N, C-alpha and C. Protein backbone atom coordinates (compact mmCIF):
# COMPACT_ATOMS: atom_id res chain seq x y z
N MET A 1 1.03 -1.10 -0.06
CA MET A 1 -0.04 0.47 -0.18
C MET A 1 0.62 1.00 0.25
N ILE A 2 1.77 1.80 1.57
CA ILE A 2 2.84 2.48 1.38
C ILE A 2 3.85 2.62 0.14
N ASP A 3 3.94 1.50 -0.14
CA ASP A 3 5.26 1.26 -1.23
C ASP A 3 4.80 1.43 -2.76
N ALA A 4 3.30 1.35 -3.19
CA ALA A 4 2.76 1.84 -4.30
C ALA A 4 3.24 3.73 -4.37
N LEU A 5 2.43 3.88 -3.37
CA LEU A 5 2.08 5.46 -3.12
C LEU A 5 3.81 6.15 -3.34
N VAL A 6 5.08 5.55 -2.47
CA VAL A 6 6.60 5.63 -2.28
C VAL A 6 7.01 6.13 -3.86
N GLY A 7 6.31 5.25 -4.91
CA GLY A 7 6.82 5.54 -5.99
C GLY A 7 5.87 5.90 -6.64
N GLN A 8 4.95 6.73 -6.61
CA GLN A 8 3.92 7.82 -7.25
C GLN A 8 4.38 9.54 -6.82
N LEU A 9 4.89 9.51 -5.28
CA LEU A 9 5.15 10.24 -4.91
C LEU A 9 6.22 10.27 -4.07
N PRO A 10 7.29 10.93 -4.88
CA PRO A 10 8.98 10.87 -4.77
C PRO A 10 9.64 11.46 -3.24
N ASN A 11 8.70 12.13 -3.05
CA ASN A 11 8.42 12.77 -1.34
C ASN A 11 8.35 11.83 -0.38
N LEU A 12 7.45 10.97 -0.26
CA LEU A 12 6.80 10.33 0.42
C LEU A 12 7.87 9.09 1.40
N SER A 13 8.21 9.06 2.30
CA SER A 13 8.99 8.17 3.06
C SER A 13 7.93 7.94 4.08
N PRO A 14 7.75 6.28 4.13
CA PRO A 14 7.71 4.71 4.93
C PRO A 14 8.12 5.84 6.53
N VAL A 15 6.84 5.51 7.40
CA VAL A 15 7.98 5.64 8.89
C VAL A 15 7.51 4.24 9.72
N HIS A 16 6.02 3.59 9.55
CA HIS A 16 6.19 2.21 9.74
C HIS A 16 5.24 1.33 9.54
N ASN A 17 5.13 0.60 9.83
CA ASN A 17 3.68 -0.37 9.30
C ASN A 17 3.22 -1.00 10.91
N PHE A 18 2.04 -1.15 10.45
CA PHE A 18 1.66 -1.51 12.32
C PHE A 18 -0.17 -2.34 11.59
N PHE A 19 -0.59 -2.96 12.42
CA PHE A 19 -1.90 -3.82 12.36
C PHE A 19 -2.89 -2.77 13.35
N TRP A 20 -4.66 -2.45 12.88
CA TRP A 20 -5.04 -1.60 13.57
C TRP A 20 -5.65 -3.41 13.88
N MET A 21 -5.97 -3.45 15.23
CA MET A 21 -6.46 -5.12 15.56
C MET A 21 -7.87 -4.08 16.77
N GLU A 22 -8.55 -5.64 15.97
CA GLU A 22 -9.94 -5.07 16.60
C GLU A 22 -10.97 -6.04 17.10
N ALA A 23 -11.52 -6.05 17.89
CA ALA A 23 -12.72 -7.11 18.69
C ALA A 23 -14.06 -6.68 18.68
N THR A 24 -15.06 -7.35 18.15
CA THR A 24 -16.83 -6.83 18.79
C THR A 24 -16.96 -7.81 19.52
N SER A 25 -16.53 -8.50 19.90
CA SER A 25 -17.11 -9.76 21.22
C SER A 25 -16.24 -9.87 21.87
N PRO A 26 -16.58 -9.88 23.53
CA PRO A 26 -15.65 -10.15 24.74
C PRO A 26 -14.56 -11.15 24.48
N SER A 27 -13.24 -11.48 24.96
CA SER A 27 -12.14 -12.12 25.14
C SER A 27 -12.41 -13.20 25.25
N GLY A 28 -13.42 -13.48 26.78
CA GLY A 28 -13.20 -14.56 27.25
C GLY A 28 -11.83 -14.64 28.58
N ALA A 29 -10.72 -14.01 28.81
CA ALA A 29 -9.92 -14.06 29.27
C ALA A 29 -10.38 -14.30 30.70
N ALA A 30 -9.39 -14.66 31.21
CA ALA A 30 -9.53 -14.34 33.15
C ALA A 30 -9.13 -13.16 33.36
N ALA A 31 -9.78 -12.54 34.01
CA ALA A 31 -8.96 -11.37 34.40
C ALA A 31 -8.81 -11.58 35.84
N ALA A 32 -8.40 -12.89 36.21
CA ALA A 32 -8.33 -12.75 37.95
C ALA A 32 -7.22 -11.31 38.77
N GLY A 33 -7.63 -10.96 39.41
CA GLY A 33 -6.47 -9.95 39.99
C GLY A 33 -6.55 -8.26 38.98
N VAL A 34 -7.47 -7.98 38.02
CA VAL A 34 -6.80 -7.39 36.93
C VAL A 34 -8.09 -6.07 37.77
N ARG A 35 -7.65 -4.94 37.70
CA ARG A 35 -9.21 -3.74 37.78
C ARG A 35 -8.27 -2.64 37.38
N TRP A 36 -9.58 -1.79 38.19
CA TRP A 36 -9.78 -0.33 37.69
C TRP A 36 -8.75 0.33 38.50
N LEU A 37 -7.10 1.33 38.30
CA LEU A 37 -6.45 1.29 39.61
C LEU A 37 -6.96 2.59 39.75
N ASN A 38 -6.49 3.09 40.93
CA ASN A 38 -6.88 4.20 41.46
C ASN A 38 -6.24 5.33 41.66
N ALA A 39 -6.28 7.27 41.58
CA ALA A 39 -5.11 7.72 41.37
C ALA A 39 -3.97 7.80 41.61
N ARG A 40 -3.66 6.81 42.39
CA ARG A 40 -2.02 6.43 42.99
C ARG A 40 -1.56 5.71 41.97
N GLU A 41 -2.01 5.03 42.31
CA GLU A 41 -2.06 3.47 41.13
C GLU A 41 -1.27 4.31 39.53
N GLU A 42 -2.10 4.74 39.13
CA GLU A 42 -1.76 5.44 37.86
C GLU A 42 -0.85 6.13 37.93
N LYS A 43 -0.67 6.88 38.94
CA LYS A 43 0.76 7.97 38.92
C LYS A 43 1.91 6.70 39.12
N GLU A 44 1.87 5.86 39.90
CA GLU A 44 3.18 4.90 40.20
C GLU A 44 3.22 4.42 38.57
N THR A 45 2.24 4.12 37.48
CA THR A 45 2.31 3.70 36.42
C THR A 45 3.18 4.03 35.69
N ALA A 46 3.15 5.36 35.49
CA ALA A 46 4.12 6.54 34.99
C ALA A 46 5.81 5.45 34.49
N SER A 47 5.77 5.46 35.94
CA SER A 47 7.73 4.65 35.89
C SER A 47 8.11 3.55 34.87
N LEU A 48 6.60 2.84 34.93
CA LEU A 48 6.57 1.64 34.07
C LEU A 48 7.44 2.24 32.59
N PHE A 49 6.47 3.79 32.13
CA PHE A 49 6.85 3.98 30.81
C PHE A 49 8.17 4.66 30.74
N ASP A 50 8.24 5.51 31.50
CA ASP A 50 9.81 5.96 31.94
C ASP A 50 10.92 4.66 32.14
N ARG A 51 10.66 3.65 32.26
CA ARG A 51 11.87 2.82 32.30
C ARG A 51 11.69 2.11 31.24
N PHE A 52 10.44 1.85 30.57
CA PHE A 52 10.26 0.20 29.84
C PHE A 52 9.94 0.88 28.61
N PHE A 53 9.15 1.77 28.44
CA PHE A 53 8.26 2.30 26.80
C PHE A 53 8.06 3.25 27.06
N PRO A 54 9.34 4.26 27.15
CA PRO A 54 9.04 5.48 26.94
C PRO A 54 8.43 6.43 25.67
N ASP A 55 8.47 5.64 24.55
CA ASP A 55 8.04 6.01 23.47
C ASP A 55 6.39 5.94 23.08
N SER A 56 6.10 5.20 24.05
CA SER A 56 4.59 5.13 24.03
C SER A 56 3.71 6.16 23.63
N TYR A 57 2.27 6.79 23.11
CA TYR A 57 2.06 7.85 22.63
C TYR A 57 0.70 7.94 24.11
N ALA A 58 0.45 6.39 24.22
CA ALA A 58 -0.14 6.39 25.73
C ALA A 58 0.51 6.66 26.74
N GLN A 59 0.40 7.76 27.79
CA GLN A 59 0.93 7.16 28.90
C GLN A 59 0.02 7.95 30.03
N PRO A 60 0.61 7.88 31.67
CA PRO A 60 -0.76 8.47 32.25
C PRO A 60 -0.37 10.47 32.57
N GLY A 61 -1.70 10.84 32.30
CA GLY A 61 -1.45 12.20 32.40
C GLY A 61 -1.50 12.85 31.08
N ARG A 62 -1.38 11.73 29.88
CA ARG A 62 -1.76 12.81 28.96
C ARG A 62 -3.11 12.69 28.41
N ALA A 63 -3.08 13.80 27.60
CA ALA A 63 -4.99 14.17 27.06
C ALA A 63 -4.95 12.73 26.40
N GLY A 64 -6.08 12.44 26.90
CA GLY A 64 -7.55 11.29 26.00
C GLY A 64 -7.14 10.32 26.65
N MET A 65 -6.13 9.94 28.19
CA MET A 65 -6.23 8.96 28.59
C MET A 65 -7.58 8.56 29.89
N ARG A 66 -8.03 7.43 29.51
CA ARG A 66 -9.82 8.32 30.39
C ARG A 66 -9.40 7.31 31.95
N ARG A 67 -8.83 6.18 32.10
CA ARG A 67 -8.89 5.28 32.88
C ARG A 67 -7.75 4.40 32.70
N TRP A 68 -7.45 3.54 33.59
CA TRP A 68 -6.11 2.58 33.32
C TRP A 68 -6.32 1.48 34.38
N ALA A 69 -6.20 0.19 33.73
CA ALA A 69 -6.74 -1.00 34.25
C ALA A 69 -5.03 -1.61 34.42
N GLY A 70 -4.86 -2.30 35.23
CA GLY A 70 -3.57 -3.17 35.77
C GLY A 70 -3.65 -4.23 37.09
N VAL A 71 -2.82 -4.71 37.03
CA VAL A 71 -2.41 -5.86 38.37
C VAL A 71 -1.33 -5.21 38.67
N VAL A 72 -1.71 -5.51 39.96
CA VAL A 72 -0.47 -4.89 41.42
C VAL A 72 -0.01 -5.82 42.47
N GLY A 73 1.27 -5.85 42.27
CA GLY A 73 1.86 -6.67 43.22
C GLY A 73 3.37 -6.46 42.98
N GLU A 74 4.27 -6.98 43.79
CA GLU A 74 5.62 -7.21 44.20
C GLU A 74 6.29 -7.60 42.84
N VAL A 75 7.69 -6.88 42.95
CA VAL A 75 8.23 -7.56 41.43
C VAL A 75 9.79 -6.85 41.94
N ASP A 76 10.64 -7.85 41.94
CA ASP A 76 12.20 -7.19 41.83
C ASP A 76 12.84 -7.01 43.25
N GLY A 77 11.92 -7.68 44.23
CA GLY A 77 12.31 -6.49 45.48
C GLY A 77 11.88 -5.60 46.10
N SER A 78 10.74 -5.16 45.17
CA SER A 78 10.38 -4.26 45.45
C SER A 78 9.74 -4.03 46.51
N VAL A 79 9.38 -3.19 47.52
CA VAL A 79 8.97 -2.21 48.91
C VAL A 79 7.51 -2.34 48.74
N GLY A 80 6.25 -2.88 48.87
CA GLY A 80 5.33 -2.25 48.52
C GLY A 80 4.43 -2.45 46.86
N ALA A 81 3.20 -2.96 46.41
CA ALA A 81 2.74 -3.04 45.60
C ALA A 81 2.78 -2.25 45.11
N LYS A 82 3.32 -2.22 43.46
CA LYS A 82 3.26 -1.40 42.32
C LYS A 82 2.68 -2.01 41.38
N PRO A 83 2.32 -0.92 40.01
CA PRO A 83 1.63 -1.83 38.99
C PRO A 83 3.08 -2.48 38.22
N LEU A 84 2.13 -3.83 38.14
CA LEU A 84 3.17 -4.73 37.09
C LEU A 84 2.39 -4.88 35.65
N ALA A 85 1.37 -4.84 35.57
CA ALA A 85 1.06 -4.80 34.38
C ALA A 85 -0.29 -3.77 33.83
N VAL A 86 -0.36 -2.81 33.01
CA VAL A 86 -0.98 -1.88 32.97
C VAL A 86 -1.82 -2.09 30.74
N ALA A 87 -3.03 -0.90 30.76
CA ALA A 87 -3.64 -0.71 29.72
C ALA A 87 -4.51 0.52 30.23
N ALA A 88 -4.61 1.01 29.17
CA ALA A 88 -5.95 2.21 29.07
C ALA A 88 -6.40 1.73 28.03
N ASP A 89 -7.36 2.45 28.83
CA ASP A 89 -9.01 3.45 27.90
C ASP A 89 -8.30 4.29 27.58
N ALA A 90 -8.13 4.77 26.06
CA ALA A 90 -7.34 5.95 25.60
C ALA A 90 -8.30 6.10 24.51
N TRP A 91 -8.34 7.73 24.35
CA TRP A 91 -9.59 8.19 22.82
C TRP A 91 -10.68 7.35 22.55
N SER A 92 -11.38 6.62 23.22
CA SER A 92 -12.45 6.03 23.13
C SER A 92 -13.24 7.06 22.85
N ALA A 93 -14.33 6.46 21.58
CA ALA A 93 -15.73 7.18 21.00
C ALA A 93 -16.94 6.65 20.69
N ALA A 94 -17.75 7.36 20.73
CA ALA A 94 -18.87 6.57 20.01
C ALA A 94 -18.62 5.75 18.93
N GLY A 95 -18.99 4.40 19.36
CA GLY A 95 -18.91 2.97 18.47
C GLY A 95 -17.11 2.52 18.40
N CYS A 96 -16.14 2.92 19.36
CA CYS A 96 -15.49 2.18 19.25
C CYS A 96 -14.35 2.61 20.42
N GLY A 97 -13.90 2.17 21.35
CA GLY A 97 -13.44 1.76 22.38
C GLY A 97 -12.32 1.45 21.96
N PHE A 98 -10.72 2.54 22.76
CA PHE A 98 -9.30 1.86 22.23
C PHE A 98 -8.32 2.45 23.42
N MET A 99 -7.86 0.82 23.27
CA MET A 99 -6.77 0.74 24.37
C MET A 99 -5.46 0.78 23.43
N GLY A 100 -4.60 1.60 25.08
CA GLY A 100 -3.86 1.70 24.69
C GLY A 100 -2.18 1.53 25.67
N GLY A 101 -1.02 2.49 25.47
CA GLY A 101 -0.36 1.70 26.39
C GLY A 101 -0.09 0.72 27.38
N VAL A 102 -0.14 -0.34 26.35
CA VAL A 102 0.32 -1.67 27.26
C VAL A 102 1.72 -2.06 27.60
N VAL A 103 1.81 -2.23 28.82
CA VAL A 103 3.50 -2.27 29.33
C VAL A 103 3.18 -3.56 30.46
N THR A 104 4.34 -4.21 30.59
CA THR A 104 4.25 -4.85 31.39
C THR A 104 6.00 -4.91 32.07
N HIS A 105 5.93 -5.11 33.34
CA HIS A 105 6.86 -4.99 33.68
C HIS A 105 8.26 -6.47 33.50
N PRO A 106 9.35 -6.28 32.97
CA PRO A 106 9.86 -7.15 33.01
C PRO A 106 9.78 -8.62 33.66
N GLY A 107 9.95 -8.20 35.48
CA GLY A 107 10.26 -8.99 36.05
C GLY A 107 8.37 -9.53 36.16
N ALA A 108 7.86 -9.00 35.25
CA ALA A 108 6.53 -10.25 35.73
C ALA A 108 6.23 -10.44 34.71
N ARG A 109 7.30 -10.50 33.55
CA ARG A 109 6.60 -10.81 32.17
C ARG A 109 6.77 -12.62 32.40
N GLY A 110 5.77 -12.87 31.46
CA GLY A 110 5.38 -14.80 31.44
C GLY A 110 4.17 -15.48 32.30
N ARG A 111 3.90 -14.51 33.12
CA ARG A 111 2.89 -15.18 33.81
C ARG A 111 1.53 -14.74 33.39
N GLY A 112 1.07 -14.65 32.29
CA GLY A 112 -0.09 -14.15 31.84
C GLY A 112 -0.75 -12.63 31.90
N LEU A 113 -0.28 -11.81 32.90
CA LEU A 113 -0.40 -10.67 33.43
C LEU A 113 -0.74 -9.60 32.08
N ALA A 114 -0.33 -9.24 30.97
CA ALA A 114 -0.51 -8.69 30.04
C ALA A 114 -2.02 -8.99 29.32
N ARG A 115 -1.92 -10.67 29.19
CA ARG A 115 -3.40 -11.14 28.74
C ARG A 115 -4.57 -10.51 29.15
N ALA A 116 -4.55 -10.57 30.69
CA ALA A 116 -5.43 -10.85 31.84
C ALA A 116 -6.01 -9.43 31.86
N VAL A 117 -4.62 -8.18 31.64
CA VAL A 117 -5.40 -6.65 31.58
C VAL A 117 -5.78 -6.52 30.68
N CYS A 118 -5.30 -7.02 29.38
CA CYS A 118 -5.82 -6.44 27.70
C CYS A 118 -6.98 -7.50 28.03
N GLY A 119 -7.37 -8.41 28.24
CA GLY A 119 -8.70 -8.78 28.18
C GLY A 119 -9.51 -8.28 28.99
N PHE A 120 -9.26 -7.83 30.48
CA PHE A 120 -10.08 -7.43 31.37
C PHE A 120 -10.97 -5.67 30.51
N VAL A 121 -9.95 -5.16 29.61
CA VAL A 121 -9.69 -4.00 28.97
C VAL A 121 -10.86 -4.16 27.75
N VAL A 122 -10.54 -4.62 26.72
CA VAL A 122 -11.60 -5.16 25.74
C VAL A 122 -12.63 -5.38 25.83
N ASP A 123 -12.88 -6.46 27.35
CA ASP A 123 -13.86 -6.99 27.66
C ASP A 123 -14.61 -5.70 27.85
N ALA A 124 -14.01 -4.55 28.71
CA ALA A 124 -15.13 -2.81 29.27
C ALA A 124 -15.60 -2.54 28.11
N LEU A 125 -14.40 -2.43 27.03
CA LEU A 125 -14.47 -1.10 26.05
C LEU A 125 -15.49 -2.37 24.60
N VAL A 126 -15.75 -3.02 24.96
CA VAL A 126 -16.63 -4.13 23.75
C VAL A 126 -17.64 -3.84 24.68
N ASN A 127 -18.02 -4.07 25.89
CA ASN A 127 -19.23 -3.78 26.43
C ASN A 127 -19.69 -2.41 26.11
N GLN A 128 -19.04 -1.44 26.28
CA GLN A 128 -19.71 -0.35 26.49
C GLN A 128 -19.93 0.11 24.98
N HIS A 129 -18.83 0.01 23.74
CA HIS A 129 -18.57 0.97 22.91
C HIS A 129 -19.33 -0.45 21.98
N GLY A 130 -19.36 -1.34 21.84
CA GLY A 130 -19.14 -2.68 20.89
C GLY A 130 -18.23 -2.70 20.09
N ARG A 131 -17.30 -2.34 20.21
CA ARG A 131 -15.83 -2.27 19.75
C ARG A 131 -14.73 -2.23 20.50
N ALA A 132 -13.59 -2.30 20.43
CA ALA A 132 -12.48 -2.60 20.72
C ALA A 132 -11.60 -2.55 20.18
N ALA A 133 -10.30 -1.68 19.84
CA ALA A 133 -9.47 -1.69 19.19
C ALA A 133 -7.82 -1.05 19.26
N LEU A 134 -7.18 -1.37 18.82
CA LEU A 134 -5.70 -0.80 18.81
C LEU A 134 -4.70 -0.87 17.84
N MET A 135 -3.72 -0.14 18.39
CA MET A 135 -2.54 0.09 16.83
C MET A 135 -1.68 -0.76 17.85
N VAL A 136 -0.72 -1.96 16.57
CA VAL A 136 0.05 -2.39 17.21
C VAL A 136 1.49 -1.82 16.17
N LEU A 137 2.66 -2.05 16.36
CA LEU A 137 3.55 -1.67 15.45
C LEU A 137 4.02 -3.68 14.84
N THR A 138 4.06 -4.07 13.32
CA THR A 138 3.86 -5.09 13.01
C THR A 138 5.42 -6.18 13.33
N GLY A 139 6.48 -5.33 14.40
CA GLY A 139 7.06 -6.12 14.57
C GLY A 139 7.33 -6.64 16.25
N ASN A 140 6.68 -5.94 16.55
CA ASN A 140 5.77 -6.32 18.09
C ASN A 140 5.33 -7.91 18.25
N ALA A 141 5.84 -8.97 18.00
CA ALA A 141 5.34 -10.53 17.68
C ALA A 141 4.05 -10.78 19.07
N PRO A 142 5.30 -10.86 19.90
CA PRO A 142 5.08 -11.46 21.05
C PRO A 142 3.20 -10.39 21.87
N ALA A 143 2.84 -9.11 21.27
CA ALA A 143 2.16 -8.20 21.98
C ALA A 143 0.84 -8.59 20.45
N ILE A 144 1.15 -9.21 19.65
CA ILE A 144 0.15 -9.53 18.18
C ILE A 144 -0.34 -11.10 18.64
N ALA A 145 0.83 -11.51 19.09
CA ALA A 145 0.13 -13.12 19.97
C ALA A 145 -0.64 -12.73 20.50
N THR A 146 -0.73 -12.00 21.60
CA THR A 146 -1.68 -11.92 22.78
C THR A 146 -3.12 -11.25 22.30
N TYR A 147 -2.96 -10.05 21.24
CA TYR A 147 -4.38 -9.23 20.69
C TYR A 147 -5.07 -11.04 20.50
N GLU A 148 -3.84 -11.52 19.42
CA GLU A 148 -5.30 -12.49 18.40
C GLU A 148 -5.55 -13.75 19.07
N ARG A 149 -4.67 -13.88 20.60
CA ARG A 149 -5.43 -14.83 21.19
C ARG A 149 -6.49 -14.30 22.04
N LEU A 150 -6.74 -13.19 22.56
CA LEU A 150 -8.01 -12.32 22.75
C LEU A 150 -8.90 -12.33 21.68
N GLY A 151 -8.70 -12.85 20.31
CA GLY A 151 -9.74 -12.87 19.72
C GLY A 151 -9.78 -11.39 18.85
N MET A 152 -8.95 -10.98 18.62
CA MET A 152 -8.41 -9.48 18.20
C MET A 152 -8.41 -9.56 16.52
N ALA A 153 -9.20 -9.35 15.51
CA ALA A 153 -8.79 -9.69 14.22
C ALA A 153 -7.53 -8.20 13.96
N LYS A 154 -6.65 -8.65 12.84
CA LYS A 154 -5.78 -7.66 12.25
C LYS A 154 -5.99 -7.26 10.90
N ARG A 155 -5.52 -5.72 10.94
CA ARG A 155 -5.21 -5.07 9.14
C ARG A 155 -3.97 -4.15 9.17
N LEU A 156 -3.67 -4.62 8.49
CA LEU A 156 -2.35 -4.11 8.19
C LEU A 156 -2.46 -2.75 7.66
N PHE A 157 -1.36 -1.59 8.41
CA PHE A 157 -1.41 -0.38 7.47
C PHE A 157 -0.52 0.37 7.72
N GLY A 158 -0.11 0.76 7.14
CA GLY A 158 1.55 1.94 7.13
C GLY A 158 1.12 3.30 7.43
N ALA A 159 1.93 3.69 7.71
CA ALA A 159 2.08 5.49 7.84
C ALA A 159 3.44 5.83 7.19
N ALA A 160 3.45 7.07 6.72
CA ALA A 160 4.48 7.60 5.79
C ALA A 160 4.60 9.46 6.36
N HIS A 161 5.45 9.97 5.60
CA HIS A 161 5.54 11.18 5.80
C HIS A 161 5.58 11.98 4.35
N ILE A 162 5.71 12.98 4.43
CA ILE A 162 6.21 13.61 3.03
C ILE A 162 7.93 14.40 3.52
N THR A 163 8.98 14.23 3.02
CA THR A 163 10.45 15.19 3.48
C THR A 163 10.16 16.18 2.41
N ALA A 164 11.10 17.12 3.02
CA ALA A 164 11.38 18.37 2.61
C ALA A 164 12.22 18.33 1.36
N ARG A 165 11.79 19.29 0.12
CA ARG A 165 12.50 18.92 -1.00
C ARG A 165 13.81 19.59 -0.76
């Protein structure tokens, strides 16, 4: 799609390929231990992004973030419970709930936390809006596999920008 346009528009430069993924029915994923986070926990979620996903468009405190779901616990000898895996209800609108800002602390990976958190958010968005969607870079195979296990279908898209002459 983008490649064909690049041939026609010489100043067009591909930026990213990504999948638009969506579901119109609940995931059925077990979401034990997942809940909507309180204000303090949402604030603590910022450190996950600072350390492990600083390039995310969806981060606590940014415009469009409605609420955050997560699993809270201890990892890597931390003192006190902190968010371990999170996802946001972000930029949702009539007819489509949008999930963003999915991140799991590396010390908590491999336990199914991302699947549980994403299933919780997908289910809430489908129930409220009739559809849940997200965007993910095509190279993020673990995330894509998680979203597919939740019943989300994918469509390939590309992003590009026009360079100065």
